[in-house]
Structures are given as C-alpha cells and as structure tokens.
Amino acid sequence: MIDWLPEVAAAIIAAVLAITLHEAAHGYAALAEGDPTAKEAGRLSLNPWRHVDPIGTLLLPGFLVISQLLAIGRVEVLFGWAKPVPVDPFRMREPRWGMVRVAAAGPAVNFILAFLSALLAHPLQWAAPFLPVEVVEWLTRFLLMSIFANLVLGLFNLLPIPPLDGGRILVGVLPAALARPLAQTERFGLLIVILLIIVLPQLPGGMDPIGWVLRNIVAAAFRAVLALAGHA
C-alpha cells in the first residue's frame, strides 16, 4: 500500500484542485456579473476546504483511486464534485446571458488548467537531470493526472443536462419556449445523470452512451492538449 501513496496523492490532489477551482471560477464570474451571493456566503475563495463536499470531493475520488490501484495497479478513471457555489442570476446585470457566462466559467478554467499542466511538463523535462528520479516521476504523474482530471470535469459538465453547466448554458441560449421546460428538469438533473452513468450500464445488455462519448472525447482532447502545448 505504501508503494501506492505517491500515486494516490497525485491523483487526489489533481482532482481536488480541478474540482475546487471549477467552483471558485463560478463564484468569481458571478461577482464579475454583479452577483455577490458567493462572496456573501464565504465561497469566493481559492481555499479548497471552502468548496469541499465530503462525499464528492474526498470519499468518491479516494474510493475510485484506491479501488483502481487494488484492481489494476493504476488510476484510469477519476470523478467527483464540490459543493455548488451559490449564485443568483436575478442579481446579475444581465440575468440570462450572465448566467450563461457564469456556467461557462467552470469548464473554461478546467480547460485552461489542463493546458497549463501540459505546458509545465516542459520546465520539468529541462530540470529532470538535476532532480531525483522519484521527484520527476511523481511530478510527471501529477501533471498527467491534472490534465486528465480537468478534461474529464470540464467535458462532463458541458453535457446538456441541468444542473450541469452545459444544461444551464443551453437554457440561456435557447428560445424561452424551449428553455423553460429544459430548466424545469433541473430538479431531476442529478437523478438523470446517475441513471445514465451508473444505472444504465449495469442493466442486462446495458449501454453506456455518456461513458463512451466521454472516453472518446477525453482521449481526443488529451491528445489535442499535448499537441497544443508542444509535445510531439
């Protein structure tokens, strides 16, 4: 188990940073749009503990990491969530489009973090001859997990299902006649996500459409981020 601690630490730190910075981005974007709700609630912070959800930020990512290490000796899937940052679109200067921009801020920050992680691999390569091998290996693993975690979180949240960011963006850009019924599904959004991601694949002859899409899109996005960062 001790041999796995560095990998566990790399995976969990990458996931926690991706999740908490995603939520913080929503709060800062809302403030920029004129809504101080997150600030008033003490959630306008880069401190991860302000955004930690005991299950979604700690227990679930930890369980996924440890179970995969026990089963296959490496981490291939990482997922979780933080406490949603409270926002009030009616306090924004432009409630409709302000909410679209606030929703888009979370995934946008995740994609930026994935790209920055890929860029940081360059100075790590230059410094590698002067660092212990164990340090280089851990930092490399952390950067790869950071790219992966941020891409998964950003792309997953763009699924067009309220209350995910993609659903809220879609509600904001659709005509009112279509936006209203879609917005009303938000109360069932988490249940829909659980059914699609967890329940449906477990049924006899079950399908995993979201998993298939995410796996293929994440793989393509991973390659694209490395290429854009100058990794041949």
C-alpha atoms as a PDB file:
ATOM      1  CA  MET A   1       0.000   0.000   0.000  1.00  0.00           C
ATOM      2  CA  ILE A   2       2.872   2.352   0.838  1.00  0.00           C
ATOM      3  CA  ASP A   3       4.154   1.981  -2.721  1.00  0.00           C
ATOM      4  CA  TRP A   4       0.862   3.428  -3.962  1.00  0.00           C
ATOM      5  CA  LEU A   5       0.829   6.500  -1.745  1.00  0.00           C
ATOM      6  CA  PRO A   6       2.611   8.795  -4.242  1.00  0.00           C
ATOM      7  CA  GLU A   7       0.147   7.879  -6.996  1.00  0.00           C
ATOM      8  CA  VAL A   8      -2.813   8.250  -4.656  1.00  0.00           C
ATOM      9  CA  ALA A   9      -1.552  11.674  -3.589  1.00  0.00           C
ATOM     10  CA  ALA A  10      -1.015  12.808  -7.196  1.00  0.00           C
ATOM     11  CA  ALA A  11      -4.480  11.695  -8.286  1.00  0.00           C
ATOM     12  CA  ILE A  12      -6.355  13.140  -5.308  1.00  0.00           C
ATOM     13  CA  ILE A  13      -4.513  16.470  -5.332  1.00  0.00           C
ATOM     14  CA  ALA A  14      -5.162  16.828  -9.074  1.00  0.00           C
ATOM     15  CA  ALA A  15      -8.862  16.023  -8.634  1.00  0.00           C
ATOM     16  CA  VAL A  16      -9.359  18.321  -5.634  1.00  0.00           C
ATOM     17  CA  LEU A  17      -7.676  21.243  -7.414  1.00  0.00           C
ATOM     18  CA  ALA A  18      -9.710  20.692 -10.576  1.00  0.00           C
ATOM     19  CA  ILE A  19     -12.997  20.475  -8.675  1.00  0.00           C
ATOM     20  CA  THR A  20     -12.461  23.380  -6.290  1.00  0.00           C
ATOM     21  CA  LEU A  21     -11.042  25.781  -8.887  1.00  0.00           C
ATOM     22  CA  HIS A  22     -14.003  24.909 -11.126  1.00  0.00           C
ATOM     23  CA  GLU A  23     -16.396  26.018  -8.381  1.00  0.00           C
ATOM     24  CA  ALA A  24     -14.350  29.083  -7.468  1.00  0.00           C
ATOM     25  CA  ALA A  25     -14.480  30.161 -11.113  1.00  0.00           C
ATOM     26  CA  HIS A  26     -18.281  30.205 -10.957  1.00  0.00           C
ATOM     27  CA  GLY A  27     -18.166  32.458  -7.889  1.00  0.00           C
ATOM     28  CA  TYR A  28     -15.668  34.922  -9.340  1.00  0.00           C
ATOM     29  CA  ALA A  29     -17.553  35.018 -12.655  1.00  0.00           C
ATOM     30  CA  ALA A  30     -20.830  35.686 -10.826  1.00  0.00           C
ATOM     31  CA  LEU A  31     -19.212  38.557  -8.908  1.00  0.00           C
ATOM     32  CA  ALA A  32     -17.960  39.999 -12.196  1.00  0.00           C
ATOM     33  CA  GLU A  33     -21.543  39.829 -13.470  1.00  0.00           C
ATOM     34  CA  GLY A  34     -22.763  41.787 -10.435  1.00  0.00           C
ATOM     35  CA  ASP A  35     -23.888  38.914  -8.179  1.00  0.00           C
ATOM     36  CA  PRO A  36     -22.114  38.908  -4.770  1.00  0.00           C
ATOM     37  CA  THR A  37     -24.025  35.853  -3.436  1.00  0.00           C
ATOM     38  CA  ALA A  38     -20.964  33.601  -3.361  1.00  0.00           C
ATOM     39  CA  LYS A  39     -18.901  36.322  -1.678  1.00  0.00           C
ATOM     40  CA  GLU A  40     -21.583  36.868   0.964  1.00  0.00           C
ATOM     41  CA  ALA A  41     -21.671  33.119   1.631  1.00  0.00           C
ATOM     42  CA  GLY A  42     -17.897  32.971   2.112  1.00  0.00           C
ATOM     43  CA  ARG A  43     -17.471  30.821  -1.008  1.00  0.00           C
ATOM     44  CA  LEU A  44     -15.497  33.338  -3.067  1.00  0.00           C
ATOM     45  CA  SER A  45     -12.211  31.668  -2.234  1.00  0.00           C
ATOM     46  CA  LEU A  46      -9.385  29.630  -3.724  1.00  0.00           C
ATOM     47  CA  ASN A  47      -9.141  27.696  -0.473  1.00  0.00           C
ATOM     48  CA  PRO A  48     -10.167  24.119  -1.406  1.00  0.00           C
ATOM     49  CA  TRP A  49     -11.705  23.480   2.017  1.00  0.00           C
ATOM     50  CA  ARG A  50     -14.341  26.144   1.352  1.00  0.00           C
ATOM     51  CA  HIS A  51     -15.646  24.063  -1.570  1.00  0.00           C
ATOM     52  CA  VAL A  52     -15.114  20.525  -0.297  1.00  0.00           C
ATOM     53  CA  ASP A  53     -18.067  18.160  -0.352  1.00  0.00           C
ATOM     54  CA  PRO A  54     -17.191  15.231   1.943  1.00  0.00           C
ATOM     55  CA  ILE A  55     -18.563  12.658  -0.497  1.00  0.00           C
ATOM     56  CA  GLY A  56     -17.944  14.211  -3.908  1.00  0.00           C
ATOM     57  CA  THR A  57     -14.558  15.797  -3.229  1.00  0.00           C
ATOM     58  CA  LEU A  58     -12.993  13.328  -0.800  1.00  0.00           C
ATOM     59  CA  LEU A  59     -14.713   9.958  -0.433  1.00  0.00           C
ATOM     60  CA  LEU A  60     -15.652   9.264  -4.066  1.00  0.00           C
ATOM     61  CA  PRO A  61     -12.314  10.286  -5.660  1.00  0.00           C
ATOM     62  CA  GLY A  62     -10.473   8.466  -2.868  1.00  0.00           C
ATOM     63  CA  PHE A  63     -12.548   5.323  -3.362  1.00  0.00           C
ATOM     64  CA  LEU A  64     -12.019   5.413  -7.140  1.00  0.00           C
ATOM     65  CA  VAL A  65      -8.271   5.851  -6.754  1.00  0.00           C
ATOM     66  CA  ILE A  66      -7.802   3.105  -4.159  1.00  0.00           C
ATOM     67  CA  SER A  67     -10.150   0.601  -5.848  1.00  0.00           C
ATOM     68  CA  GLN A  68      -8.375   1.017  -9.211  1.00  0.00           C
ATOM     69  CA  LEU A  69      -4.952   0.660  -7.622  1.00  0.00           C
ATOM     70  CA  LEU A  70      -6.102  -2.544  -5.942  1.00  0.00           C
ATOM     71  CA  ALA A  71      -7.691  -3.885  -9.133  1.00  0.00           C
ATOM     72  CA  ILE A  72      -5.346  -2.816 -11.933  1.00  0.00           C
ATOM     73  CA  GLY A  73      -2.423  -1.083 -10.236  1.00  0.00           C
ATOM     74  CA  ARG A  74      -3.049   2.346 -11.785  1.00  0.00           C
ATOM     75  CA  VAL A  75      -5.636   5.129 -11.916  1.00  0.00           C
ATOM     76  CA  GLU A  76      -7.624   5.380 -15.155  1.00  0.00           C
ATOM     77  CA  VAL A  77     -10.923   6.928 -14.016  1.00  0.00           C
ATOM     78  CA  LEU A  78     -11.319   9.904 -11.720  1.00  0.00           C
ATOM     79  CA  PHE A  79     -14.548  11.723 -10.931  1.00  0.00           C
ATOM     80  CA  GLY A  80     -16.099  13.876  -8.231  1.00  0.00           C
ATOM     81  CA  TRP A  81     -17.782  17.152  -7.395  1.00  0.00           C
ATOM     82  CA  ALA A  82     -17.649  20.032  -4.925  1.00  0.00           C
ATOM     83  CA  LYS A  83     -20.342  21.954  -3.087  1.00  0.00           C
ATOM     84  CA  PRO A  84     -22.017  24.118  -5.749  1.00  0.00           C
ATOM     85  CA  VAL A  85     -21.202  27.793  -5.386  1.00  0.00           C
ATOM     86  CA  PRO A  86     -24.442  29.743  -4.761  1.00  0.00           C
ATOM     87  CA  VAL A  87     -25.337  32.199  -7.500  1.00  0.00           C
ATOM     88  CA  ASP A  88     -28.423  34.351  -8.072  1.00  0.00           C
ATOM     89  CA  PRO A  89     -28.971  35.276 -11.719  1.00  0.00           C
ATOM     90  CA  PHE A  90     -31.516  37.944 -10.736  1.00  0.00           C
ATOM     91  CA  ARG A  91     -28.725  39.930  -9.066  1.00  0.00           C
ATOM     92  CA  MET A  92     -26.697  39.932 -12.280  1.00  0.00           C
ATOM     93  CA  ARG A  93     -26.722  42.857 -14.679  1.00  0.00           C
ATOM     94  CA  GLU A  94     -27.880  40.543 -17.474  1.00  0.00           C
ATOM     95  CA  PRO A  95     -29.589  37.574 -15.767  1.00  0.00           C
ATOM     96  CA  ARG A  96     -29.886  35.407 -18.875  1.00  0.00           C
ATOM     97  CA  TRP A  97     -26.504  35.917 -20.508  1.00  0.00           C
ATOM     98  CA  GLY A  98     -24.765  36.490 -17.202  1.00  0.00           C
ATOM     99  CA  MET A  99     -25.807  33.014 -16.101  1.00  0.00           C
ATOM    100  CA  VAL A 100     -24.503  31.594 -19.385  1.00  0.00           C
ATOM    101  CA  ARG A 101     -21.107  33.184 -18.785  1.00  0.00           C
ATOM    102  CA  VAL A 102     -21.039  32.065 -15.140  1.00  0.00           C
ATOM    103  CA  ALA A 103     -21.874  28.486 -16.139  1.00  0.00           C
ATOM    104  CA  ALA A 104     -19.209  28.506 -18.850  1.00  0.00           C
ATOM    105  CA  ALA A 105     -16.540  29.809 -16.449  1.00  0.00           C
ATOM    106  CA  GLY A 106     -16.108  26.484 -14.636  1.00  0.00           C
ATOM    107  CA  PRO A 107     -15.340  24.307 -17.676  1.00  0.00           C
ATOM    108  CA  ALA A 108     -13.258  27.140 -19.181  1.00  0.00           C
ATOM    109  CA  VAL A 109     -10.999  27.194 -16.111  1.00  0.00           C
ATOM    110  CA  ASN A 110     -10.651  23.399 -16.279  1.00  0.00           C
ATOM    111  CA  PHE A 111      -9.505  23.564 -19.909  1.00  0.00           C
ATOM    112  CA  ILE A 112      -7.028  26.344 -19.068  1.00  0.00           C
ATOM    113  CA  LEU A 113      -5.662  24.293 -16.159  1.00  0.00           C
ATOM    114  CA  ALA A 114      -5.284  21.238 -18.401  1.00  0.00           C
ATOM    115  CA  PHE A 115      -3.294  23.305 -20.906  1.00  0.00           C
ATOM    116  CA  LEU A 116      -1.126  24.892 -18.192  1.00  0.00           C
ATOM    117  CA  SER A 117      -0.386  21.440 -16.770  1.00  0.00           C
ATOM    118  CA  ALA A 118       0.788  20.309 -20.198  1.00  0.00           C
ATOM    119  CA  LEU A 119       2.977  23.413 -20.524  1.00  0.00           C
ATOM    120  CA  LEU A 120       4.560  22.779 -17.122  1.00  0.00           C
ATOM    121  CA  ALA A 121       5.892  19.471 -18.414  1.00  0.00           C
ATOM    122  CA  HIS A 122       8.480  21.422 -20.434  1.00  0.00           C
ATOM    123  CA  PRO A 123      10.343  23.008 -17.491  1.00  0.00           C
ATOM    124  CA  LEU A 124      10.056  19.683 -15.685  1.00  0.00           C
ATOM    125  CA  GLN A 125      11.827  17.984 -18.586  1.00  0.00           C
ATOM    126  CA  TRP A 126      14.565  20.633 -18.522  1.00  0.00           C
ATOM    127  CA  ALA A 127      15.028  20.295 -14.766  1.00  0.00           C
ATOM    128  CA  ALA A 128      14.811  16.491 -14.716  1.00  0.00           C
ATOM    129  CA  PRO A 129      18.600  15.855 -14.859  1.00  0.00           C
ATOM    130  CA  PHE A 130      19.020  17.896 -11.668  1.00  0.00           C
ATOM    131  CA  LEU A 131      16.200  16.299  -9.666  1.00  0.00           C
ATOM    132  CA  PRO A 132      15.811  12.895  -8.007  1.00  0.00           C
ATOM    133  CA  VAL A 133      14.160  10.351 -10.285  1.00  0.00           C
ATOM    134  CA  GLU A 134      11.340   9.794  -7.776  1.00  0.00           C
ATOM    135  CA  VAL A 135      10.504  13.511  -7.770  1.00  0.00           C
ATOM    136  CA  VAL A 136      10.449  13.686 -11.568  1.00  0.00           C
ATOM    137  CA  GLU A 137       8.233  10.605 -11.770  1.00  0.00           C
ATOM    138  CA  TRP A 138       5.781  11.984  -9.201  1.00  0.00           C
ATOM    139  CA  LEU A 139       5.559  15.426 -10.799  1.00  0.00           C
ATOM    140  CA  THR A 140       5.085  13.849 -14.220  1.00  0.00           C
ATOM    141  CA  ARG A 141       2.283  11.673 -12.879  1.00  0.00           C
ATOM    142  CA  PHE A 142       0.692  14.665 -11.161  1.00  0.00           C
ATOM    143  CA  LEU A 143       0.735  16.766 -14.341  1.00  0.00           C
ATOM    144  CA  LEU A 144      -0.774  13.920 -16.377  1.00  0.00           C
ATOM    145  CA  MET A 145      -3.480  13.399 -13.754  1.00  0.00           C
ATOM    146  CA  SER A 146      -4.132  17.140 -13.700  1.00  0.00           C
ATOM    147  CA  ILE A 147      -4.662  17.202 -17.461  1.00  0.00           C
ATOM    148  CA  PHE A 148      -6.923  14.173 -17.245  1.00  0.00           C
ATOM    149  CA  ALA A 149      -8.963  15.342 -14.230  1.00  0.00           C
ATOM    150  CA  ASN A 150      -9.538  18.811 -15.660  1.00  0.00           C
ATOM    151  CA  LEU A 151     -10.575  17.496 -19.065  1.00  0.00           C
ATOM    152  CA  VAL A 152     -12.979  14.958 -17.566  1.00  0.00           C
ATOM    153  CA  LEU A 153     -14.540  17.536 -15.237  1.00  0.00           C
ATOM    154  CA  GLY A 154     -14.771  20.236 -17.885  1.00  0.00           C
ATOM    155  CA  LEU A 155     -16.223  17.996 -20.597  1.00  0.00           C
ATOM    156  CA  PHE A 156     -18.587  16.188 -18.233  1.00  0.00           C
ATOM    157  CA  ASN A 157     -20.022  19.497 -17.036  1.00  0.00           C
ATOM    158  CA  LEU A 158     -20.715  20.521 -20.625  1.00  0.00           C
ATOM    159  CA  LEU A 159     -23.267  17.727 -21.016  1.00  0.00           C
ATOM    160  CA  PRO A 160     -26.592  19.466 -21.821  1.00  0.00           C
ATOM    161  CA  ILE A 161     -28.364  18.298 -18.661  1.00  0.00           C
ATOM    162  CA  PRO A 162     -29.366  20.812 -15.966  1.00  0.00           C
ATOM    163  CA  PRO A 163     -27.966  21.413 -13.356  1.00  0.00           C
ATOM    164  CA  LEU A 164     -24.692  20.679 -15.156  1.00  0.00           C
ATOM    165  CA  ASP A 165     -23.054  23.732 -16.698  1.00  0.00           C
ATOM    166  CA  GLY A 166     -23.887  22.595 -20.223  1.00  0.00           C
ATOM    167  CA  GLY A 167     -27.570  22.410 -19.317  1.00  0.00           C
ATOM    168  CA  ARG A 168     -27.535  25.911 -17.842  1.00  0.00           C
ATOM    169  CA  ILE A 169     -25.724  27.257 -20.891  1.00  0.00           C
ATOM    170  CA  LEU A 170     -28.336  25.629 -23.119  1.00  0.00           C
ATOM    171  CA  VAL A 171     -31.171  27.118 -21.045  1.00  0.00           C
ATOM    172  CA  GLY A 172     -29.621  30.544 -21.556  1.00  0.00           C
ATOM    173  CA  VAL A 173     -29.200  30.327 -25.317  1.00  0.00           C
ATOM    174  CA  LEU A 174     -32.452  28.569 -26.264  1.00  0.00           C
ATOM    175  CA  PRO A 175     -35.665  30.466 -27.038  1.00  0.00           C
ATOM    176  CA  ALA A 176     -37.888  30.858 -23.985  1.00  0.00           C
ATOM    177  CA  ALA A 177     -40.404  28.278 -25.209  1.00  0.00           C
ATOM    178  CA  LEU A 178     -37.690  25.608 -25.193  1.00  0.00           C
ATOM    179  CA  ALA A 179     -35.652  26.954 -22.288  1.00  0.00           C
ATOM    180  CA  ARG A 180     -38.482  26.804 -19.735  1.00  0.00           C
ATOM    181  CA  PRO A 181     -39.225  23.063 -19.956  1.00  0.00           C
ATOM    182  CA  LEU A 182     -35.493  22.277 -20.007  1.00  0.00           C
ATOM    183  CA  ALA A 183     -34.923  24.442 -16.917  1.00  0.00           C
ATOM    184  CA  GLN A 184     -37.736  22.601 -15.122  1.00  0.00           C
ATOM    185  CA  THR A 185     -35.827  19.321 -15.461  1.00  0.00           C
ATOM    186  CA  GLU A 186     -33.072  20.688 -13.178  1.00  0.00           C
ATOM    187  CA  ARG A 187     -34.747  19.241 -10.068  1.00  0.00           C
ATOM    188  CA  PHE A 188     -34.318  15.788 -11.630  1.00  0.00           C
ATOM    189  CA  GLY A 189     -30.938  16.507 -13.228  1.00  0.00           C
ATOM    190  CA  LEU A 190     -28.770  14.690 -10.711  1.00  0.00           C
ATOM    191  CA  LEU A 191     -31.067  11.660 -10.830  1.00  0.00           C
ATOM    192  CA  ILE A 192     -30.898  11.649 -14.634  1.00  0.00           C
ATOM    193  CA  VAL A 193     -27.092  11.806 -14.513  1.00  0.00           C
ATOM    194  CA  ILE A 194     -26.927   8.927 -12.011  1.00  0.00           C
ATOM    195  CA  LEU A 195     -29.286   6.826 -14.140  1.00  0.00           C
ATOM    196  CA  LEU A 196     -27.294   7.463 -17.315  1.00  0.00           C
ATOM    197  CA  ILE A 197     -23.844   6.985 -15.807  1.00  0.00           C
ATOM    198  CA  ILE A 198     -24.335   4.359 -13.095  1.00  0.00           C
ATOM    199  CA  VAL A 199     -27.640   2.524 -13.527  1.00  0.00           C
ATOM    200  CA  LEU A 200     -27.982   2.174 -17.307  1.00  0.00           C
ATOM    201  CA  PRO A 201     -24.589   0.465 -17.865  1.00  0.00           C
ATOM    202  CA  GLN A 202     -25.415  -2.085 -15.125  1.00  0.00           C
ATOM    203  CA  LEU A 203     -28.680  -3.258 -16.707  1.00  0.00           C
ATOM    204  CA  PRO A 204     -28.727  -6.523 -18.712  1.00  0.00           C
ATOM    205  CA  GLY A 205     -27.476  -5.573 -22.138  1.00  0.00           C
ATOM    206  CA  GLY A 206     -26.909  -2.115 -20.684  1.00  0.00           C
ATOM    207  CA  MET A 207     -25.480   0.740 -22.683  1.00  0.00           C
ATOM    208  CA  ASP A 208     -23.057   3.435 -21.609  1.00  0.00           C
ATOM    209  CA  PRO A 209     -23.567   6.291 -24.099  1.00  0.00           C
ATOM    210  CA  ILE A 210     -22.215   9.036 -21.863  1.00  0.00           C
ATOM    211  CA  GLY A 211     -19.228   6.938 -20.836  1.00  0.00           C
ATOM    212  CA  TRP A 212     -18.484   6.109 -24.461  1.00  0.00           C
ATOM    213  CA  VAL A 213     -18.720   9.737 -25.537  1.00  0.00           C
ATOM    214  CA  LEU A 214     -16.626  10.996 -22.637  1.00  0.00           C
ATOM    215  CA  ARG A 215     -13.951   8.331 -23.075  1.00  0.00           C
ATOM    216  CA  ASN A 216     -13.562   9.095 -26.752  1.00  0.00           C
ATOM    217  CA  ILE A 217     -13.801  12.856 -26.406  1.00  0.00           C
ATOM    218  CA  VAL A 218     -11.465  12.955 -23.405  1.00  0.00           C
ATOM    219  CA  ALA A 219      -8.901  10.831 -25.261  1.00  0.00           C
ATOM    220  CA  ALA A 220      -9.053  13.164 -28.276  1.00  0.00           C
ATOM    221  CA  ALA A 221      -8.910  16.248 -26.034  1.00  0.00           C
ATOM    222  CA  PHE A 222      -5.928  14.807 -24.145  1.00  0.00           C
ATOM    223  CA  ARG A 223      -4.020  14.347 -27.396  1.00  0.00           C
ATOM    224  CA  ALA A 224      -5.028  17.845 -28.556  1.00  0.00           C
ATOM    225  CA  VAL A 225      -3.863  19.489 -25.313  1.00  0.00           C
ATOM    226  CA  LEU A 226      -0.473  17.760 -25.512  1.00  0.00           C
ATOM    227  CA  ALA A 227      -0.104  18.779 -29.146  1.00  0.00           C
ATOM    228  CA  LEU A 228      -1.065  22.417 -28.446  1.00  0.00           C
ATOM    229  CA  ALA A 229       1.447  22.501 -25.598  1.00  0.00           C
ATOM    230  CA  GLY A 230       4.201  21.396 -27.966  1.00  0.00           C
ATOM    231  CA  HIS A 231       4.511  17.745 -27.041  1.00  0.00           C
ATOM    232  CA  ALA A 232       5.070  15.722 -30.200  1.00  0.00           C
END
